[in-house]
Amino acid sequence: MIIIAGYFQLNASDRDRFVDAHVELVVRARQAEGCVDLAISADPVDPTRVNNYELWDNEDDLLTWRSVANPPRLELDFQGSHLAKYYIAKTGPVFG
């Protein structure tokens, strides 16, 4: 499994427009083969931050999705970001 997690920093006035512009992409991604979950959401504490979370079954499914994702093209002033890809070898229950 693969997790892509992190955040983007934008001007506070652009954050909600960025999130809203990605709603259709999130819907399509969640229907894509191998997508366990995907979320692009406004941070509840920082008005300049957009959180990104993706969980994929494998690299092939992620790459297939990327080839057809067609993200929205927005002219925004990004202030920074921190995103990373994590390769998961083992998972288990959260409680117990």
N, C-alpha and C. Protein backbone atom coordinates (compact mmCIF):
# COMPACT_ATOMS: atom_id res chain seq x y z
N MET A 1 0.84 -1.19 0.00
CA MET A 1 0.00 0.00 0.00
C MET A 1 0.88 1.24 0.00
N ILE A 2 0.30 2.32 -0.49
CA ILE A 2 1.01 3.59 -0.58
C ILE A 2 0.14 4.67 0.02
N ILE A 3 0.75 5.52 0.84
CA ILE A 3 0.09 6.70 1.36
C ILE A 3 0.83 7.92 0.82
N ILE A 4 0.07 8.86 0.32
CA ILE A 4 0.61 10.18 -0.01
C ILE A 4 -0.08 11.14 0.94
N ALA A 5 0.71 11.85 1.72
CA ALA A 5 0.13 12.72 2.73
C ALA A 5 0.95 14.00 2.86
N GLY A 6 0.25 15.05 3.22
CA GLY A 6 0.91 16.33 3.45
C GLY A 6 -0.06 17.47 3.27
N TYR A 7 0.51 18.63 2.91
CA TYR A 7 -0.33 19.82 2.79
C TYR A 7 0.27 20.81 1.81
N PHE A 8 -0.59 21.70 1.34
CA PHE A 8 -0.21 22.86 0.54
C PHE A 8 -0.51 24.10 1.36
N GLN A 9 0.29 25.14 1.21
CA GLN A 9 0.01 26.44 1.83
C GLN A 9 -0.32 27.42 0.70
N LEU A 10 -1.45 28.08 0.85
CA LEU A 10 -1.91 29.07 -0.13
C LEU A 10 -2.28 30.35 0.60
N ASN A 11 -2.56 31.37 -0.16
CA ASN A 11 -3.15 32.56 0.46
C ASN A 11 -4.51 32.15 1.02
N ALA A 12 -4.87 32.67 2.16
CA ALA A 12 -6.14 32.31 2.79
C ALA A 12 -7.32 32.58 1.85
N SER A 13 -7.22 33.60 1.04
CA SER A 13 -8.32 33.94 0.13
C SER A 13 -8.45 32.93 -1.02
N ASP A 14 -7.45 32.10 -1.25
CA ASP A 14 -7.47 31.10 -2.33
C ASP A 14 -7.79 29.69 -1.87
N ARG A 15 -7.71 29.45 -0.57
CA ARG A 15 -7.81 28.08 -0.06
C ARG A 15 -9.12 27.40 -0.45
N ASP A 16 -10.24 28.01 -0.17
CA ASP A 16 -11.53 27.37 -0.44
C ASP A 16 -11.75 27.17 -1.94
N ARG A 17 -11.28 28.08 -2.75
CA ARG A 17 -11.39 27.93 -4.21
C ARG A 17 -10.59 26.73 -4.68
N PHE A 18 -9.40 26.52 -4.10
CA PHE A 18 -8.58 25.36 -4.44
C PHE A 18 -9.30 24.07 -4.07
N VAL A 19 -9.83 24.00 -2.86
CA VAL A 19 -10.54 22.80 -2.40
C VAL A 19 -11.77 22.55 -3.27
N ASP A 20 -12.56 23.57 -3.51
CA ASP A 20 -13.77 23.43 -4.32
C ASP A 20 -13.45 22.97 -5.74
N ALA A 21 -12.36 23.46 -6.30
CA ALA A 21 -11.97 23.09 -7.66
C ALA A 21 -11.57 21.63 -7.78
N HIS A 22 -11.24 20.99 -6.65
CA HIS A 22 -10.80 19.59 -6.67
C HIS A 22 -11.88 18.58 -6.29
N VAL A 23 -13.09 19.04 -6.03
CA VAL A 23 -14.17 18.12 -5.62
C VAL A 23 -14.39 17.04 -6.66
N GLU A 24 -14.51 17.41 -7.91
CA GLU A 24 -14.78 16.44 -8.98
C GLU A 24 -13.62 15.45 -9.11
N LEU A 25 -12.39 15.91 -8.95
CA LEU A 25 -11.23 15.03 -8.98
C LEU A 25 -11.28 14.02 -7.85
N VAL A 26 -11.65 14.46 -6.66
CA VAL A 26 -11.75 13.55 -5.51
C VAL A 26 -12.81 12.48 -5.77
N VAL A 27 -13.94 12.87 -6.31
CA VAL A 27 -15.01 11.91 -6.62
C VAL A 27 -14.50 10.87 -7.60
N ARG A 28 -13.85 11.31 -8.68
CA ARG A 28 -13.33 10.37 -9.67
C ARG A 28 -12.24 9.47 -9.10
N ALA A 29 -11.36 10.05 -8.29
CA ALA A 29 -10.27 9.25 -7.71
C ALA A 29 -10.81 8.14 -6.82
N ARG A 30 -11.80 8.45 -6.03
CA ARG A 30 -12.36 7.44 -5.13
C ARG A 30 -13.01 6.29 -5.88
N GLN A 31 -13.34 6.50 -7.15
CA GLN A 31 -13.91 5.45 -7.99
C GLN A 31 -12.84 4.71 -8.78
N ALA A 32 -11.62 5.21 -8.75
CA ALA A 32 -10.53 4.61 -9.53
C ALA A 32 -10.07 3.29 -8.93
N GLU A 33 -9.65 2.39 -9.80
CA GLU A 33 -9.11 1.10 -9.37
C GLU A 33 -7.94 1.34 -8.43
N GLY A 34 -7.98 0.70 -7.27
CA GLY A 34 -6.88 0.76 -6.33
C GLY A 34 -6.89 1.92 -5.37
N CYS A 35 -7.83 2.85 -5.52
CA CYS A 35 -7.91 3.96 -4.58
C CYS A 35 -8.74 3.53 -3.38
N VAL A 36 -8.09 3.46 -2.25
CA VAL A 36 -8.79 3.12 -1.01
C VAL A 36 -9.45 4.37 -0.43
N ASP A 37 -8.74 5.50 -0.51
CA ASP A 37 -9.28 6.76 -0.03
C ASP A 37 -8.47 7.91 -0.61
N LEU A 38 -9.12 9.06 -0.73
CA LEU A 38 -8.44 10.27 -1.17
C LEU A 38 -9.22 11.45 -0.65
N ALA A 39 -8.53 12.43 -0.10
CA ALA A 39 -9.17 13.63 0.42
C ALA A 39 -8.29 14.85 0.19
N ILE A 40 -8.92 15.93 -0.25
CA ILE A 40 -8.28 17.24 -0.35
C ILE A 40 -9.20 18.17 0.41
N SER A 41 -8.73 18.66 1.56
CA SER A 41 -9.64 19.37 2.45
C SER A 41 -8.99 20.58 3.10
N ALA A 42 -9.84 21.55 3.43
CA ALA A 42 -9.39 22.74 4.15
C ALA A 42 -9.02 22.35 5.57
N ASP A 43 -7.91 22.86 6.04
CA ASP A 43 -7.49 22.60 7.41
C ASP A 43 -8.40 23.37 8.37
N PRO A 44 -8.85 22.74 9.47
CA PRO A 44 -9.78 23.41 10.38
C PRO A 44 -9.13 24.47 11.28
N VAL A 45 -7.79 24.51 11.30
CA VAL A 45 -7.10 25.43 12.20
C VAL A 45 -6.35 26.53 11.45
N ASP A 46 -5.72 26.17 10.34
CA ASP A 46 -4.89 27.10 9.58
C ASP A 46 -5.62 27.53 8.30
N PRO A 47 -5.98 28.79 8.17
CA PRO A 47 -6.75 29.24 7.00
C PRO A 47 -5.96 29.27 5.69
N THR A 48 -4.67 28.98 5.75
CA THR A 48 -3.85 28.96 4.54
C THR A 48 -3.50 27.55 4.10
N ARG A 49 -3.98 26.55 4.82
CA ARG A 49 -3.52 25.18 4.60
C ARG A 49 -4.61 24.29 4.00
N VAL A 50 -4.19 23.49 3.00
CA VAL A 50 -5.04 22.47 2.40
C VAL A 50 -4.37 21.13 2.65
N ASN A 51 -5.07 20.22 3.30
CA ASN A 51 -4.52 18.89 3.58
C ASN A 51 -4.79 17.95 2.42
N ASN A 52 -3.81 17.11 2.13
CA ASN A 52 -3.91 16.12 1.05
C ASN A 52 -3.61 14.74 1.65
N TYR A 53 -4.51 13.80 1.37
CA TYR A 53 -4.33 12.43 1.85
C TYR A 53 -4.79 11.47 0.76
N GLU A 54 -3.95 10.50 0.43
CA GLU A 54 -4.30 9.47 -0.54
C GLU A 54 -3.83 8.12 -0.02
N LEU A 55 -4.65 7.10 -0.22
CA LEU A 55 -4.29 5.73 0.12
C LEU A 55 -4.57 4.86 -1.10
N TRP A 56 -3.53 4.21 -1.61
CA TRP A 56 -3.60 3.40 -2.82
C TRP A 56 -3.15 1.98 -2.55
N ASP A 57 -3.77 1.03 -3.25
CA ASP A 57 -3.39 -0.37 -3.11
C ASP A 57 -1.96 -0.63 -3.57
N ASN A 58 -1.54 0.04 -4.66
CA ASN A 58 -0.20 -0.23 -5.19
C ASN A 58 0.23 0.89 -6.14
N GLU A 59 1.49 0.87 -6.50
CA GLU A 59 2.10 1.89 -7.37
C GLU A 59 1.48 1.90 -8.77
N ASP A 60 1.18 0.73 -9.31
CA ASP A 60 0.60 0.67 -10.66
C ASP A 60 -0.74 1.39 -10.72
N ASP A 61 -1.59 1.17 -9.72
CA ASP A 61 -2.89 1.84 -9.70
C ASP A 61 -2.71 3.36 -9.53
N LEU A 62 -1.78 3.76 -8.71
CA LEU A 62 -1.50 5.18 -8.53
C LEU A 62 -1.04 5.81 -9.84
N LEU A 63 -0.12 5.16 -10.53
CA LEU A 63 0.39 5.69 -11.80
C LEU A 63 -0.69 5.72 -12.88
N THR A 64 -1.54 4.72 -12.90
CA THR A 64 -2.65 4.72 -13.84
C THR A 64 -3.57 5.90 -13.57
N TRP A 65 -3.88 6.13 -12.31
CA TRP A 65 -4.72 7.27 -11.95
C TRP A 65 -4.05 8.58 -12.37
N ARG A 66 -2.78 8.72 -12.09
CA ARG A 66 -2.09 9.97 -12.42
C ARG A 66 -2.15 10.26 -13.92
N SER A 67 -2.16 9.22 -14.73
CA SER A 67 -2.19 9.42 -16.19
C SER A 67 -3.53 9.95 -16.69
N VAL A 68 -4.59 9.82 -15.89
CA VAL A 68 -5.92 10.28 -16.30
C VAL A 68 -6.54 11.28 -15.32
N ALA A 69 -5.83 11.66 -14.30
CA ALA A 69 -6.39 12.50 -13.23
C ALA A 69 -6.88 13.85 -13.74
N ASN A 70 -6.13 14.47 -14.61
CA ASN A 70 -6.51 15.76 -15.19
C ASN A 70 -6.91 16.77 -14.10
N PRO A 71 -5.97 17.14 -13.23
CA PRO A 71 -6.31 18.09 -12.16
C PRO A 71 -6.66 19.46 -12.72
N PRO A 72 -7.44 20.23 -11.98
CA PRO A 72 -7.80 21.57 -12.44
C PRO A 72 -6.56 22.46 -12.55
N ARG A 73 -6.57 23.33 -13.51
CA ARG A 73 -5.48 24.28 -13.71
C ARG A 73 -5.89 25.61 -13.08
N LEU A 74 -5.25 25.94 -11.99
CA LEU A 74 -5.58 27.17 -11.28
C LEU A 74 -4.34 28.06 -11.21
N GLU A 75 -4.55 29.34 -11.37
CA GLU A 75 -3.48 30.32 -11.22
C GLU A 75 -3.49 30.80 -9.77
N LEU A 76 -2.71 30.14 -8.93
CA LEU A 76 -2.67 30.48 -7.51
C LEU A 76 -1.23 30.70 -7.08
N ASP A 77 -1.07 31.45 -6.03
CA ASP A 77 0.25 31.73 -5.48
C ASP A 77 0.49 30.78 -4.30
N PHE A 78 1.16 29.65 -4.56
CA PHE A 78 1.46 28.70 -3.50
C PHE A 78 2.55 29.26 -2.60
N GLN A 79 2.34 29.16 -1.30
CA GLN A 79 3.30 29.66 -0.32
C GLN A 79 4.27 28.56 0.14
N GLY A 80 3.93 27.32 -0.16
CA GLY A 80 4.78 26.20 0.23
C GLY A 80 3.98 24.92 0.24
N SER A 81 4.67 23.84 0.50
CA SER A 81 4.00 22.55 0.60
C SER A 81 4.91 21.56 1.29
N HIS A 82 4.31 20.52 1.77
CA HIS A 82 5.05 19.38 2.31
C HIS A 82 4.22 18.14 2.01
N LEU A 83 4.65 17.38 1.01
CA LEU A 83 3.99 16.14 0.62
C LEU A 83 5.03 15.04 0.57
N ALA A 84 4.64 13.85 0.95
CA ALA A 84 5.55 12.71 0.89
C ALA A 84 4.78 11.45 0.52
N LYS A 85 5.49 10.51 -0.09
CA LYS A 85 4.92 9.21 -0.44
C LYS A 85 5.51 8.19 0.53
N TYR A 86 4.64 7.40 1.12
CA TYR A 86 5.04 6.38 2.10
C TYR A 86 4.66 5.01 1.58
N TYR A 87 5.60 4.11 1.59
CA TYR A 87 5.34 2.73 1.18
C TYR A 87 5.08 1.91 2.43
N ILE A 88 3.92 1.29 2.51
CA ILE A 88 3.48 0.58 3.71
C ILE A 88 3.70 -0.92 3.54
N ALA A 89 4.47 -1.49 4.44
CA ALA A 89 4.75 -2.92 4.38
C ALA A 89 3.80 -3.73 5.24
N LYS A 90 3.25 -3.10 6.27
CA LYS A 90 2.40 -3.85 7.19
C LYS A 90 1.37 -2.90 7.79
N THR A 91 0.14 -3.40 7.95
CA THR A 91 -0.89 -2.63 8.64
C THR A 91 -1.55 -3.52 9.68
N GLY A 92 -2.26 -2.90 10.59
CA GLY A 92 -2.97 -3.65 11.63
C GLY A 92 -4.09 -2.81 12.19
N PRO A 93 -4.86 -3.38 13.10
CA PRO A 93 -5.98 -2.66 13.69
C PRO A 93 -5.51 -1.48 14.52
N VAL A 94 -6.33 -0.44 14.57
CA VAL A 94 -6.00 0.75 15.34
C VAL A 94 -6.16 0.48 16.83
N PHE A 95 -7.24 -0.21 17.19
CA PHE A 95 -7.52 -0.50 18.60
C PHE A 95 -7.47 -2.00 18.82
N GLY A 96 -6.83 -2.39 19.92
CA GLY A 96 -6.82 -3.80 20.28
C GLY A 96 -5.75 -4.60 19.77
